[in-house]
Amino acid sequence: MVEDVKSESKEKFTFHYYGHPGWPTEDPYGKVGTCPIEIKRRNGKTTVIITEPEGMVTTSVTNMIEAIATKLYYHCLRNEAPAAITWMQHDIRDMSGQESICDVLLIWNGEQYVDPQWSRRRPVADYCH
């Protein structure tokens, strides 16, 4: 009997990034933001979950998602096909005050991710880890 073996790995870490210059202060370099990252690999598929923490003091993950995804790609996902990575945004509190998660479609232009499109926002409880 052949056993169905599934390869699975998880990686969690905090990512640091600079927000847009001049927001929310006149700091020309932008303030440093942090966001928890979870990278899941299962059966040859990679999913990256970027969490928008509460109490941001710099540009939000939503407004920096292309830059964050591009930096993550170059730092730790270079062996992956850029278009094959599934990106998700996890909000501790979305605009309705609820915790939610959504898919984010990002286009790879050969050098960086561009043109984010958010879809399928749903409660975190509906998402199977």
C-alpha atoms as a PDB file:
ATOM      1  CA  MET A   1       0.000   0.000   0.000  1.00  0.00           C
ATOM      2  CA  VAL A   2       1.342   3.420  -0.955  1.00  0.00           C
ATOM      3  CA  GLU A   3       0.930   6.087   1.690  1.00  0.00           C
ATOM      4  CA  ASP A   4      -0.020   9.593   0.548  1.00  0.00           C
ATOM      5  CA  VAL A   5       2.847  11.658   1.893  1.00  0.00           C
ATOM      6  CA  LYS A   6       2.290  15.402   1.939  1.00  0.00           C
ATOM      7  CA  SER A   7       5.213  17.735   2.391  1.00  0.00           C
ATOM      8  CA  GLU A   8       4.347  20.693   4.541  1.00  0.00           C
ATOM      9  CA  SER A   9       6.333  23.462   6.189  1.00  0.00           C
ATOM     10  CA  LYS A  10       5.568  26.699   7.999  1.00  0.00           C
ATOM     11  CA  GLU A  11       7.761  29.667   8.636  1.00  0.00           C
ATOM     12  CA  LYS A  12       6.779  32.632  10.840  1.00  0.00           C
ATOM     13  CA  PHE A  13       8.705  35.841  11.395  1.00  0.00           C
ATOM     14  CA  THR A  14       8.293  39.593  11.773  1.00  0.00           C
ATOM     15  CA  PHE A  15       9.087  41.692   8.720  1.00  0.00           C
ATOM     16  CA  HIS A  16      10.331  45.297   9.037  1.00  0.00           C
ATOM     17  CA  TYR A  17       9.676  47.894   6.331  1.00  0.00           C
ATOM     18  CA  TYR A  18       9.809  51.639   5.813  1.00  0.00           C
ATOM     19  CA  GLY A  19       6.479  53.373   5.263  1.00  0.00           C
ATOM     20  CA  HIS A  20       5.913  56.044   2.661  1.00  0.00           C
ATOM     21  CA  PRO A  21       8.026  59.146   3.365  1.00  0.00           C
ATOM     22  CA  GLY A  22       6.123  61.955   5.013  1.00  0.00           C
ATOM     23  CA  TRP A  23       3.409  59.755   6.492  1.00  0.00           C
ATOM     24  CA  PRO A  24       2.230  60.200   9.224  1.00  0.00           C
ATOM     25  CA  THR A  25       4.990  62.745   9.979  1.00  0.00           C
ATOM     26  CA  GLU A  26       7.376  64.758   7.857  1.00  0.00           C
ATOM     27  CA  ASP A  27      10.090  62.110   8.288  1.00  0.00           C
ATOM     28  CA  PRO A  28      11.742  61.983   4.815  1.00  0.00           C
ATOM     29  CA  TYR A  29      12.572  58.289   5.188  1.00  0.00           C
ATOM     30  CA  GLY A  30       9.237  57.082   6.515  1.00  0.00           C
ATOM     31  CA  LYS A  31       8.762  55.315   9.818  1.00  0.00           C
ATOM     32  CA  VAL A  32       9.666  51.677  10.293  1.00  0.00           C
ATOM     33  CA  GLY A  33       6.663  49.373  10.313  1.00  0.00           C
ATOM     34  CA  THR A  34       6.477  45.734  11.278  1.00  0.00           C
ATOM     35  CA  CYS A  35       4.125  43.003  10.213  1.00  0.00           C
ATOM     36  CA  PRO A  36       3.938  39.318  11.072  1.00  0.00           C
ATOM     37  CA  ILE A  37       4.552  37.020   8.104  1.00  0.00           C
ATOM     38  CA  GLU A  38       3.611  33.379   7.753  1.00  0.00           C
ATOM     39  CA  ILE A  39       4.866  31.346   4.806  1.00  0.00           C
ATOM     40  CA  LYS A  40       3.190  27.989   4.265  1.00  0.00           C
ATOM     41  CA  ARG A  41       4.450  25.432   1.801  1.00  0.00           C
ATOM     42  CA  ARG A  42       2.324  22.399   1.081  1.00  0.00           C
ATOM     43  CA  ASN A  43       2.512  19.984  -1.824  1.00  0.00           C
ATOM     44  CA  GLY A  44       4.580  22.357  -3.931  1.00  0.00           C
ATOM     45  CA  LYS A  45       2.334  25.382  -3.314  1.00  0.00           C
ATOM     46  CA  THR A  46       3.391  28.456  -1.379  1.00  0.00           C
ATOM     47  CA  THR A  47       1.018  30.764   0.499  1.00  0.00           C
ATOM     48  CA  VAL A  48       2.208  33.954   2.194  1.00  0.00           C
ATOM     49  CA  ILE A  49       0.010  35.563   4.849  1.00  0.00           C
ATOM     50  CA  ILE A  50       0.865  39.177   5.688  1.00  0.00           C
ATOM     51  CA  THR A  51      -0.797  40.456   8.862  1.00  0.00           C
ATOM     52  CA  GLU A  52      -1.859  44.065   9.364  1.00  0.00           C
ATOM     53  CA  PRO A  53      -1.245  44.585  13.095  1.00  0.00           C
ATOM     54  CA  GLU A  54      -3.322  46.883  15.251  1.00  0.00           C
ATOM     55  CA  GLY A  55      -1.943  50.302  16.122  1.00  0.00           C
ATOM     56  CA  MET A  56       0.179  50.897  13.026  1.00  0.00           C
ATOM     57  CA  VAL A  57       2.465  53.917  13.348  1.00  0.00           C
ATOM     58  CA  THR A  58       3.424  54.048   9.693  1.00  0.00           C
ATOM     59  CA  THR A  59       1.953  53.307   6.278  1.00  0.00           C
ATOM     60  CA  SER A  60      -0.455  50.364   6.453  1.00  0.00           C
ATOM     61  CA  VAL A  61       0.245  46.919   5.037  1.00  0.00           C
ATOM     62  CA  THR A  62      -2.657  47.536   2.640  1.00  0.00           C
ATOM     63  CA  ASN A  63      -0.864  50.573   1.179  1.00  0.00           C
ATOM     64  CA  MET A  64       2.541  48.844   1.103  1.00  0.00           C
ATOM     65  CA  ILE A  65       1.564  45.322   0.022  1.00  0.00           C
ATOM     66  CA  GLU A  66       3.341  45.411  -3.368  1.00  0.00           C
ATOM     67  CA  ALA A  67       6.583  46.653  -1.790  1.00  0.00           C
ATOM     68  CA  ILE A  68       6.365  44.150   1.084  1.00  0.00           C
ATOM     69  CA  ALA A  69       5.636  41.250  -1.298  1.00  0.00           C
ATOM     70  CA  THR A  70       8.512  42.261  -3.588  1.00  0.00           C
ATOM     71  CA  LYS A  71      10.970  42.459  -0.679  1.00  0.00           C
ATOM     72  CA  LEU A  72       9.767  39.120   0.689  1.00  0.00           C
ATOM     73  CA  TYR A  73      10.222  37.567  -2.742  1.00  0.00           C
ATOM     74  CA  TYR A  74      13.830  38.743  -3.043  1.00  0.00           C
ATOM     75  CA  HIS A  75      14.685  37.916   0.592  1.00  0.00           C
ATOM     76  CA  CYS A  76      13.185  34.457   1.006  1.00  0.00           C
ATOM     77  CA  LEU A  77      11.103  33.300  -1.970  1.00  0.00           C
ATOM     78  CA  ARG A  78      13.534  33.565  -4.912  1.00  0.00           C
ATOM     79  CA  ASN A  79      13.319  29.840  -5.639  1.00  0.00           C
ATOM     80  CA  GLU A  80       9.563  30.136  -6.207  1.00  0.00           C
ATOM     81  CA  ALA A  81       7.855  31.122  -9.440  1.00  0.00           C
ATOM     82  CA  PRO A  82       6.630  34.662  -8.635  1.00  0.00           C
ATOM     83  CA  ALA A  83       3.235  34.159 -10.280  1.00  0.00           C
ATOM     84  CA  ALA A  84       2.654  30.867  -8.432  1.00  0.00           C
ATOM     85  CA  ILE A  85       2.775  32.359  -4.913  1.00  0.00           C
ATOM     86  CA  THR A  86      -0.604  32.886  -3.227  1.00  0.00           C
ATOM     87  CA  TRP A  87      -0.721  36.116  -1.248  1.00  0.00           C
ATOM     88  CA  MET A  88      -3.176  36.819   1.580  1.00  0.00           C
ATOM     89  CA  GLN A  89      -3.739  39.763   3.908  1.00  0.00           C
ATOM     90  CA  HIS A  90      -4.842  39.114   7.466  1.00  0.00           C
ATOM     91  CA  ASP A  91      -6.384  42.068   9.287  1.00  0.00           C
ATOM     92  CA  ILE A  92      -6.614  41.930  13.067  1.00  0.00           C
ATOM     93  CA  ARG A  93      -9.362  44.565  12.746  1.00  0.00           C
ATOM     94  CA  ASP A  94     -10.731  45.417   9.331  1.00  0.00           C
ATOM     95  CA  MET A  95     -12.869  48.476   8.574  1.00  0.00           C
ATOM     96  CA  SER A  96     -15.901  46.766  10.134  1.00  0.00           C
ATOM     97  CA  GLY A  97     -13.950  46.079  13.342  1.00  0.00           C
ATOM     98  CA  GLN A  98     -13.769  42.336  12.666  1.00  0.00           C
ATOM     99  CA  GLU A  99     -10.786  40.052  12.176  1.00  0.00           C
ATOM    100  CA  SER A 100     -10.664  38.958   8.537  1.00  0.00           C
ATOM    101  CA  ILE A 101      -8.476  37.496   5.826  1.00  0.00           C
ATOM    102  CA  CYS A 102      -8.562  38.003   2.066  1.00  0.00           C
ATOM    103  CA  ASP A 103      -6.778  36.880  -1.068  1.00  0.00           C
ATOM    104  CA  VAL A 104      -4.561  39.456  -2.767  1.00  0.00           C
ATOM    105  CA  LEU A 105      -3.775  39.041  -6.446  1.00  0.00           C
ATOM    106  CA  LEU A 106      -0.415  40.601  -7.289  1.00  0.00           C
ATOM    107  CA  ILE A 107       1.052  40.793 -10.790  1.00  0.00           C
ATOM    108  CA  TRP A 108       4.784  40.122 -11.269  1.00  0.00           C
ATOM    109  CA  ASN A 109       6.183  42.480 -13.931  1.00  0.00           C
ATOM    110  CA  GLY A 110       9.600  40.820 -14.116  1.00  0.00           C
ATOM    111  CA  GLU A 111      11.127  42.949 -11.354  1.00  0.00           C
ATOM    112  CA  GLN A 112       8.432  43.569  -8.751  1.00  0.00           C
ATOM    113  CA  TYR A 113       4.841  42.937  -7.764  1.00  0.00           C
ATOM    114  CA  VAL A 114       2.309  45.540  -8.922  1.00  0.00           C
ATOM    115  CA  ASP A 115      -1.428  46.179  -9.219  1.00  0.00           C
ATOM    116  CA  PRO A 116      -2.849  44.565  -6.053  1.00  0.00           C
ATOM    117  CA  GLN A 117      -6.440  43.338  -6.227  1.00  0.00           C
ATOM    118  CA  TRP A 118      -8.165  42.224  -3.005  1.00  0.00           C
ATOM    119  CA  SER A 119     -10.942  39.657  -3.103  1.00  0.00           C
ATOM    120  CA  ARG A 120     -12.893  37.166  -1.040  1.00  0.00           C
ATOM    121  CA  ARG A 121     -12.713  38.911   2.348  1.00  0.00           C
ATOM    122  CA  ARG A 122     -13.956  36.471   4.939  1.00  0.00           C
ATOM    123  CA  PRO A 123     -13.803  35.886   8.684  1.00  0.00           C
ATOM    124  CA  VAL A 124     -10.599  34.211   9.857  1.00  0.00           C
ATOM    125  CA  ALA A 125     -12.669  31.353  11.290  1.00  0.00           C
ATOM    126  CA  ASP A 126     -13.663  30.459   7.707  1.00  0.00           C
ATOM    127  CA  TYR A 127     -10.025  30.081   6.697  1.00  0.00           C
ATOM    128  CA  CYS A 128      -8.467  26.695   7.449  1.00  0.00           C
ATOM    129  CA  HIS A 129      -4.865  27.015   8.592  1.00  0.00           C
END
